[in-house]
Amino acid sequence: MAKYSTIQFGTWADVAKAEHGKVFLHDTLGLTSGEISISVMPPRTESPFNHIHKQNEEIYIFFSGNGTFTVDDEKIEVKPGTVIRVATGAKRTLANTGNTEMQYICIQAKENSLTQFGFGDAEIC
Protein backbone atom coordinates (compact mmCIF):
# COMPACT_ATOMS: atom_id res chain seq x y z
CA MET A 1 0.00 0.00 0.00
CA ALA A 2 1.33 3.46 -0.92
CA LYS A 3 2.44 5.73 1.90
CA TYR A 4 1.05 8.82 0.19
CA SER A 5 -2.05 10.02 -1.62
CA THR A 6 -2.43 12.66 -4.29
CA ILE A 7 -5.09 14.40 -6.34
CA GLN A 8 -5.09 17.15 -8.93
CA PHE A 9 -7.84 19.58 -7.97
CA GLY A 10 -7.15 21.68 -11.07
CA THR A 11 -7.00 25.45 -11.19
CA TRP A 12 -8.76 28.07 -9.09
CA ALA A 13 -11.22 28.34 -12.02
CA ASP A 14 -11.98 24.62 -11.65
CA VAL A 15 -12.58 25.10 -7.92
CA ALA A 16 -14.98 27.96 -8.68
CA LYS A 17 -17.07 25.53 -10.78
CA ALA A 18 -17.27 22.91 -8.00
CA GLU A 19 -20.34 22.64 -5.78
CA HIS A 20 -20.48 25.75 -3.58
CA GLY A 21 -17.05 26.76 -4.96
CA LYS A 22 -15.30 24.26 -2.64
CA VAL A 23 -13.15 21.19 -3.01
CA PHE A 24 -12.82 19.09 0.16
CA LEU A 25 -9.73 16.90 0.47
CA HIS A 26 -10.55 14.67 3.46
CA ASP A 27 -12.13 11.82 1.55
CA THR A 28 -10.16 12.09 -1.69
CA LEU A 29 -6.79 12.04 0.10
CA GLY A 30 -7.83 9.81 2.99
CA LEU A 31 -6.82 12.41 5.56
CA THR A 32 -6.71 11.12 9.13
CA SER A 33 -5.68 14.22 11.07
CA GLY A 34 -7.86 16.99 9.70
CA GLU A 35 -9.81 18.45 6.81
CA ILE A 36 -8.63 20.85 4.12
CA SER A 37 -10.93 22.72 1.76
CA ILE A 38 -9.94 24.83 -1.23
CA SER A 39 -12.50 27.57 -1.90
CA VAL A 40 -13.44 30.32 -4.33
CA MET A 41 -16.03 32.92 -3.29
CA PRO A 42 -17.51 35.11 -6.05
CA PRO A 43 -17.30 38.90 -5.78
CA ARG A 44 -19.83 40.68 -3.56
CA THR A 45 -21.11 37.50 -1.90
CA GLU A 46 -21.11 36.19 1.62
CA SER A 47 -21.35 32.88 3.38
CA PRO A 48 -25.04 32.06 3.81
CA PHE A 49 -24.62 31.14 7.50
CA ASN A 50 -22.54 31.55 10.66
CA HIS A 51 -21.07 28.41 12.15
CA ILE A 52 -18.98 27.12 15.05
CA HIS A 53 -16.90 24.00 15.54
CA LYS A 54 -16.99 21.91 18.70
CA GLN A 55 -13.63 20.11 18.33
CA ASN A 56 -11.74 21.60 15.39
CA GLU A 57 -9.93 24.89 15.12
CA GLU A 58 -9.83 26.38 11.63
CA ILE A 59 -7.02 28.16 9.84
CA TYR A 60 -7.97 30.31 6.82
CA ILE A 61 -5.24 31.31 4.33
CA PHE A 62 -6.26 33.95 1.78
CA PHE A 63 -4.63 34.12 -1.66
CA SER A 64 -6.78 36.66 -3.51
CA GLY A 65 -9.71 38.99 -3.01
CA ASN A 66 -10.75 41.35 -0.26
CA GLY A 67 -13.38 40.90 2.36
CA THR A 68 -14.50 40.75 5.93
CA PHE A 69 -14.12 37.77 8.23
CA THR A 70 -16.33 38.00 11.31
CA VAL A 71 -15.49 36.13 14.52
CA ASP A 72 -17.98 36.52 17.39
CA ASP A 73 -19.19 39.85 15.93
CA GLU A 74 -15.64 41.24 15.54
CA LYS A 75 -14.91 42.15 11.91
CA ILE A 76 -11.45 41.47 10.48
CA GLU A 77 -10.44 42.84 7.07
CA VAL A 78 -8.87 40.16 4.86
CA LYS A 79 -6.72 40.45 1.73
CA PRO A 80 -4.10 38.29 0.02
CA GLY A 81 -1.62 37.07 2.61
CA THR A 82 -4.03 37.23 5.55
CA VAL A 83 -4.10 34.13 7.77
CA ILE A 84 -6.72 33.69 10.51
CA ARG A 85 -6.98 30.97 13.17
CA VAL A 86 -10.40 30.51 14.76
CA ALA A 87 -10.76 28.52 17.99
CA THR A 88 -13.54 26.11 18.83
CA GLY A 89 -16.77 27.64 20.04
CA ALA A 90 -16.24 30.90 18.15
CA LYS A 91 -18.95 31.94 15.69
CA ARG A 92 -17.54 32.75 12.25
CA THR A 93 -18.62 33.91 8.79
CA LEU A 94 -16.98 35.37 5.69
CA ALA A 95 -17.94 38.00 3.10
CA ASN A 96 -16.21 38.89 -0.15
CA THR A 97 -16.65 42.66 -0.32
CA GLY A 98 -14.46 43.14 -3.39
CA ASN A 99 -15.00 43.08 -7.13
CA THR A 100 -12.85 39.99 -7.73
CA GLU A 101 -13.21 36.42 -6.55
CA MET A 102 -11.74 35.44 -3.20
CA GLN A 103 -9.47 32.39 -3.16
CA TYR A 104 -8.61 30.71 0.13
CA ILE A 105 -7.76 27.46 1.83
CA CYS A 106 -9.29 26.36 5.13
CA ILE A 107 -7.59 23.78 7.34
CA GLN A 108 -9.47 22.08 10.19
CA ALA A 109 -7.63 20.16 12.89
CA LYS A 110 -8.58 19.02 16.37
CA GLU A 111 -7.82 21.85 18.77
CA ASN A 112 -4.92 21.19 21.18
CA SER A 113 -4.00 17.91 19.47
CA LEU A 114 -0.60 18.95 18.06
CA THR A 115 2.17 17.49 20.21
CA GLN A 116 5.08 17.68 17.77
CA PHE A 117 5.82 19.70 14.65
CA GLY A 118 8.71 20.53 12.34
CA PHE A 119 11.89 18.73 13.30
CA GLY A 120 10.33 17.61 16.59
CA ASP A 121 8.45 15.07 14.49
CA ALA A 122 11.04 14.61 11.74
CA GLU A 123 14.12 12.54 11.23
CA ILE A 124 16.83 13.22 8.64
CA CYS A 125 17.28 10.12 6.50
C-alpha atoms as a PDB file:
ATOM      1  CA  MET A   1       0.000   0.000   0.000  1.00  0.00           C
ATOM      2  CA  ALA A   2       1.328   3.460  -0.920  1.00  0.00           C
ATOM      3  CA  LYS A   3       2.444   5.726   1.902  1.00  0.00           C
ATOM      4  CA  TYR A   4       1.047   8.824   0.186  1.00  0.00           C
ATOM      5  CA  SER A   5      -2.051  10.021  -1.615  1.00  0.00           C
ATOM      6  CA  THR A   6      -2.429  12.658  -4.286  1.00  0.00           C
ATOM      7  CA  ILE A   7      -5.086  14.401  -6.335  1.00  0.00           C
ATOM      8  CA  GLN A   8      -5.089  17.151  -8.928  1.00  0.00           C
ATOM      9  CA  PHE A   9      -7.837  19.584  -7.968  1.00  0.00           C
ATOM     10  CA  GLY A  10      -7.148  21.682 -11.067  1.00  0.00           C
ATOM     11  CA  THR A  11      -7.003  25.455 -11.186  1.00  0.00           C
ATOM     12  CA  TRP A  12      -8.764  28.066  -9.087  1.00  0.00           C
ATOM     13  CA  ALA A  13     -11.223  28.345 -12.019  1.00  0.00           C
ATOM     14  CA  ASP A  14     -11.978  24.620 -11.651  1.00  0.00           C
ATOM     15  CA  VAL A  15     -12.581  25.095  -7.916  1.00  0.00           C
ATOM     16  CA  ALA A  16     -14.982  27.957  -8.678  1.00  0.00           C
ATOM     17  CA  LYS A  17     -17.067  25.530 -10.781  1.00  0.00           C
ATOM     18  CA  ALA A  18     -17.271  22.912  -8.002  1.00  0.00           C
ATOM     19  CA  GLU A  19     -20.343  22.637  -5.784  1.00  0.00           C
ATOM     20  CA  HIS A  20     -20.479  25.747  -3.578  1.00  0.00           C
ATOM     21  CA  GLY A  21     -17.054  26.755  -4.957  1.00  0.00           C
ATOM     22  CA  LYS A  22     -15.302  24.264  -2.643  1.00  0.00           C
ATOM     23  CA  VAL A  23     -13.150  21.193  -3.006  1.00  0.00           C
ATOM     24  CA  PHE A  24     -12.816  19.085   0.163  1.00  0.00           C
ATOM     25  CA  LEU A  25      -9.731  16.901   0.471  1.00  0.00           C
ATOM     26  CA  HIS A  26     -10.549  14.674   3.464  1.00  0.00           C
ATOM     27  CA  ASP A  27     -12.135  11.817   1.551  1.00  0.00           C
ATOM     28  CA  THR A  28     -10.163  12.086  -1.691  1.00  0.00           C
ATOM     29  CA  LEU A  29      -6.789  12.040   0.099  1.00  0.00           C
ATOM     30  CA  GLY A  30      -7.829   9.805   2.994  1.00  0.00           C
ATOM     31  CA  LEU A  31      -6.815  12.413   5.559  1.00  0.00           C
ATOM     32  CA  THR A  32      -6.708  11.118   9.133  1.00  0.00           C
ATOM     33  CA  SER A  33      -5.682  14.224  11.067  1.00  0.00           C
ATOM     34  CA  GLY A  34      -7.862  16.995   9.700  1.00  0.00           C
ATOM     35  CA  GLU A  35      -9.813  18.449   6.806  1.00  0.00           C
ATOM     36  CA  ILE A  36      -8.634  20.849   4.120  1.00  0.00           C
ATOM     37  CA  SER A  37     -10.928  22.718   1.758  1.00  0.00           C
ATOM     38  CA  ILE A  38      -9.944  24.833  -1.226  1.00  0.00           C
ATOM     39  CA  SER A  39     -12.502  27.569  -1.904  1.00  0.00           C
ATOM     40  CA  VAL A  40     -13.442  30.321  -4.325  1.00  0.00           C
ATOM     41  CA  MET A  41     -16.028  32.919  -3.291  1.00  0.00           C
ATOM     42  CA  PRO A  42     -17.508  35.105  -6.048  1.00  0.00           C
ATOM     43  CA  PRO A  43     -17.302  38.905  -5.784  1.00  0.00           C
ATOM     44  CA  ARG A  44     -19.828  40.684  -3.563  1.00  0.00           C
ATOM     45  CA  THR A  45     -21.110  37.497  -1.903  1.00  0.00           C
ATOM     46  CA  GLU A  46     -21.105  36.192   1.622  1.00  0.00           C
ATOM     47  CA  SER A  47     -21.348  32.882   3.385  1.00  0.00           C
ATOM     48  CA  PRO A  48     -25.044  32.055   3.812  1.00  0.00           C
ATOM     49  CA  PHE A  49     -24.617  31.141   7.497  1.00  0.00           C
ATOM     50  CA  ASN A  50     -22.544  31.551  10.659  1.00  0.00           C
ATOM     51  CA  HIS A  51     -21.066  28.406  12.147  1.00  0.00           C
ATOM     52  CA  ILE A  52     -18.985  27.120  15.048  1.00  0.00           C
ATOM     53  CA  HIS A  53     -16.897  24.004  15.542  1.00  0.00           C
ATOM     54  CA  LYS A  54     -16.994  21.910  18.698  1.00  0.00           C
ATOM     55  CA  GLN A  55     -13.633  20.114  18.329  1.00  0.00           C
ATOM     56  CA  ASN A  56     -11.739  21.597  15.389  1.00  0.00           C
ATOM     57  CA  GLU A  57      -9.931  24.894  15.125  1.00  0.00           C
ATOM     58  CA  GLU A  58      -9.831  26.376  11.626  1.00  0.00           C
ATOM     59  CA  ILE A  59      -7.018  28.161   9.837  1.00  0.00           C
ATOM     60  CA  TYR A  60      -7.970  30.309   6.825  1.00  0.00           C
ATOM     61  CA  ILE A  61      -5.243  31.310   4.335  1.00  0.00           C
ATOM     62  CA  PHE A  62      -6.261  33.955   1.779  1.00  0.00           C
ATOM     63  CA  PHE A  63      -4.631  34.116  -1.664  1.00  0.00           C
ATOM     64  CA  SER A  64      -6.776  36.658  -3.510  1.00  0.00           C
ATOM     65  CA  GLY A  65      -9.710  38.989  -3.010  1.00  0.00           C
ATOM     66  CA  ASN A  66     -10.754  41.353  -0.258  1.00  0.00           C
ATOM     67  CA  GLY A  67     -13.379  40.896   2.359  1.00  0.00           C
ATOM     68  CA  THR A  68     -14.504  40.755   5.927  1.00  0.00           C
ATOM     69  CA  PHE A  69     -14.116  37.770   8.231  1.00  0.00           C
ATOM     70  CA  THR A  70     -16.331  37.999  11.307  1.00  0.00           C
ATOM     71  CA  VAL A  71     -15.494  36.129  14.521  1.00  0.00           C
ATOM     72  CA  ASP A  72     -17.981  36.522  17.387  1.00  0.00           C
ATOM     73  CA  ASP A  73     -19.190  39.852  15.934  1.00  0.00           C
ATOM     74  CA  GLU A  74     -15.636  41.242  15.536  1.00  0.00           C
ATOM     75  CA  LYS A  75     -14.910  42.151  11.906  1.00  0.00           C
ATOM     76  CA  ILE A  76     -11.449  41.465  10.477  1.00  0.00           C
ATOM     77  CA  GLU A  77     -10.438  42.836   7.075  1.00  0.00           C
ATOM     78  CA  VAL A  78      -8.872  40.158   4.856  1.00  0.00           C
ATOM     79  CA  LYS A  79      -6.718  40.448   1.734  1.00  0.00           C
ATOM     80  CA  PRO A  80      -4.102  38.286   0.016  1.00  0.00           C
ATOM     81  CA  GLY A  81      -1.620  37.069   2.610  1.00  0.00           C
ATOM     82  CA  THR A  82      -4.033  37.225   5.554  1.00  0.00           C
ATOM     83  CA  VAL A  83      -4.099  34.128   7.774  1.00  0.00           C
ATOM     84  CA  ILE A  84      -6.722  33.693  10.513  1.00  0.00           C
ATOM     85  CA  ARG A  85      -6.985  30.970  13.166  1.00  0.00           C
ATOM     86  CA  VAL A  86     -10.404  30.507  14.756  1.00  0.00           C
ATOM     87  CA  ALA A  87     -10.757  28.524  17.991  1.00  0.00           C
ATOM     88  CA  THR A  88     -13.538  26.111  18.832  1.00  0.00           C
ATOM     89  CA  GLY A  89     -16.768  27.636  20.042  1.00  0.00           C
ATOM     90  CA  ALA A  90     -16.244  30.897  18.146  1.00  0.00           C
ATOM     91  CA  LYS A  91     -18.952  31.936  15.691  1.00  0.00           C
ATOM     92  CA  ARG A  92     -17.544  32.752  12.245  1.00  0.00           C
ATOM     93  CA  THR A  93     -18.624  33.906   8.791  1.00  0.00           C
ATOM     94  CA  LEU A  94     -16.981  35.366   5.692  1.00  0.00           C
ATOM     95  CA  ALA A  95     -17.940  38.002   3.103  1.00  0.00           C
ATOM     96  CA  ASN A  96     -16.208  38.892  -0.150  1.00  0.00           C
ATOM     97  CA  THR A  97     -16.645  42.662  -0.316  1.00  0.00           C
ATOM     98  CA  GLY A  98     -14.464  43.140  -3.388  1.00  0.00           C
ATOM     99  CA  ASN A  99     -15.004  43.085  -7.131  1.00  0.00           C
ATOM    100  CA  THR A 100     -12.851  39.989  -7.730  1.00  0.00           C
ATOM    101  CA  GLU A 101     -13.209  36.422  -6.545  1.00  0.00           C
ATOM    102  CA  MET A 102     -11.735  35.437  -3.197  1.00  0.00           C
ATOM    103  CA  GLN A 103      -9.467  32.389  -3.160  1.00  0.00           C
ATOM    104  CA  TYR A 104      -8.614  30.710   0.127  1.00  0.00           C
ATOM    105  CA  ILE A 105      -7.760  27.459   1.828  1.00  0.00           C
ATOM    106  CA  CYS A 106      -9.287  26.360   5.130  1.00  0.00           C
ATOM    107  CA  ILE A 107      -7.594  23.775   7.343  1.00  0.00           C
ATOM    108  CA  GLN A 108      -9.467  22.079  10.188  1.00  0.00           C
ATOM    109  CA  ALA A 109      -7.630  20.162  12.894  1.00  0.00           C
ATOM    110  CA  LYS A 110      -8.580  19.023  16.371  1.00  0.00           C
ATOM    111  CA  GLU A 111      -7.816  21.851  18.765  1.00  0.00           C
ATOM    112  CA  ASN A 112      -4.925  21.194  21.179  1.00  0.00           C
ATOM    113  CA  SER A 113      -3.996  17.907  19.473  1.00  0.00           C
ATOM    114  CA  LEU A 114      -0.602  18.948  18.063  1.00  0.00           C
ATOM    115  CA  THR A 115       2.174  17.487  20.210  1.00  0.00           C
ATOM    116  CA  GLN A 116       5.079  17.678  17.769  1.00  0.00           C
ATOM    117  CA  PHE A 117       5.821  19.702  14.645  1.00  0.00           C
ATOM    118  CA  GLY A 118       8.707  20.532  12.340  1.00  0.00           C
ATOM    119  CA  PHE A 119      11.888  18.735  13.300  1.00  0.00           C
ATOM    120  CA  GLY A 120      10.330  17.610  16.594  1.00  0.00           C
ATOM    121  CA  ASP A 121       8.449  15.067  14.492  1.00  0.00           C
ATOM    122  CA  ALA A 122      11.037  14.613  11.739  1.00  0.00           C
ATOM    123  CA  GLU A 123      14.122  12.542  11.230  1.00  0.00           C
ATOM    124  CA  ILE A 124      16.832  13.216   8.640  1.00  0.00           C
ATOM    125  CA  CYS A 125      17.283  10.124   6.498  1.00  0.00           C
END
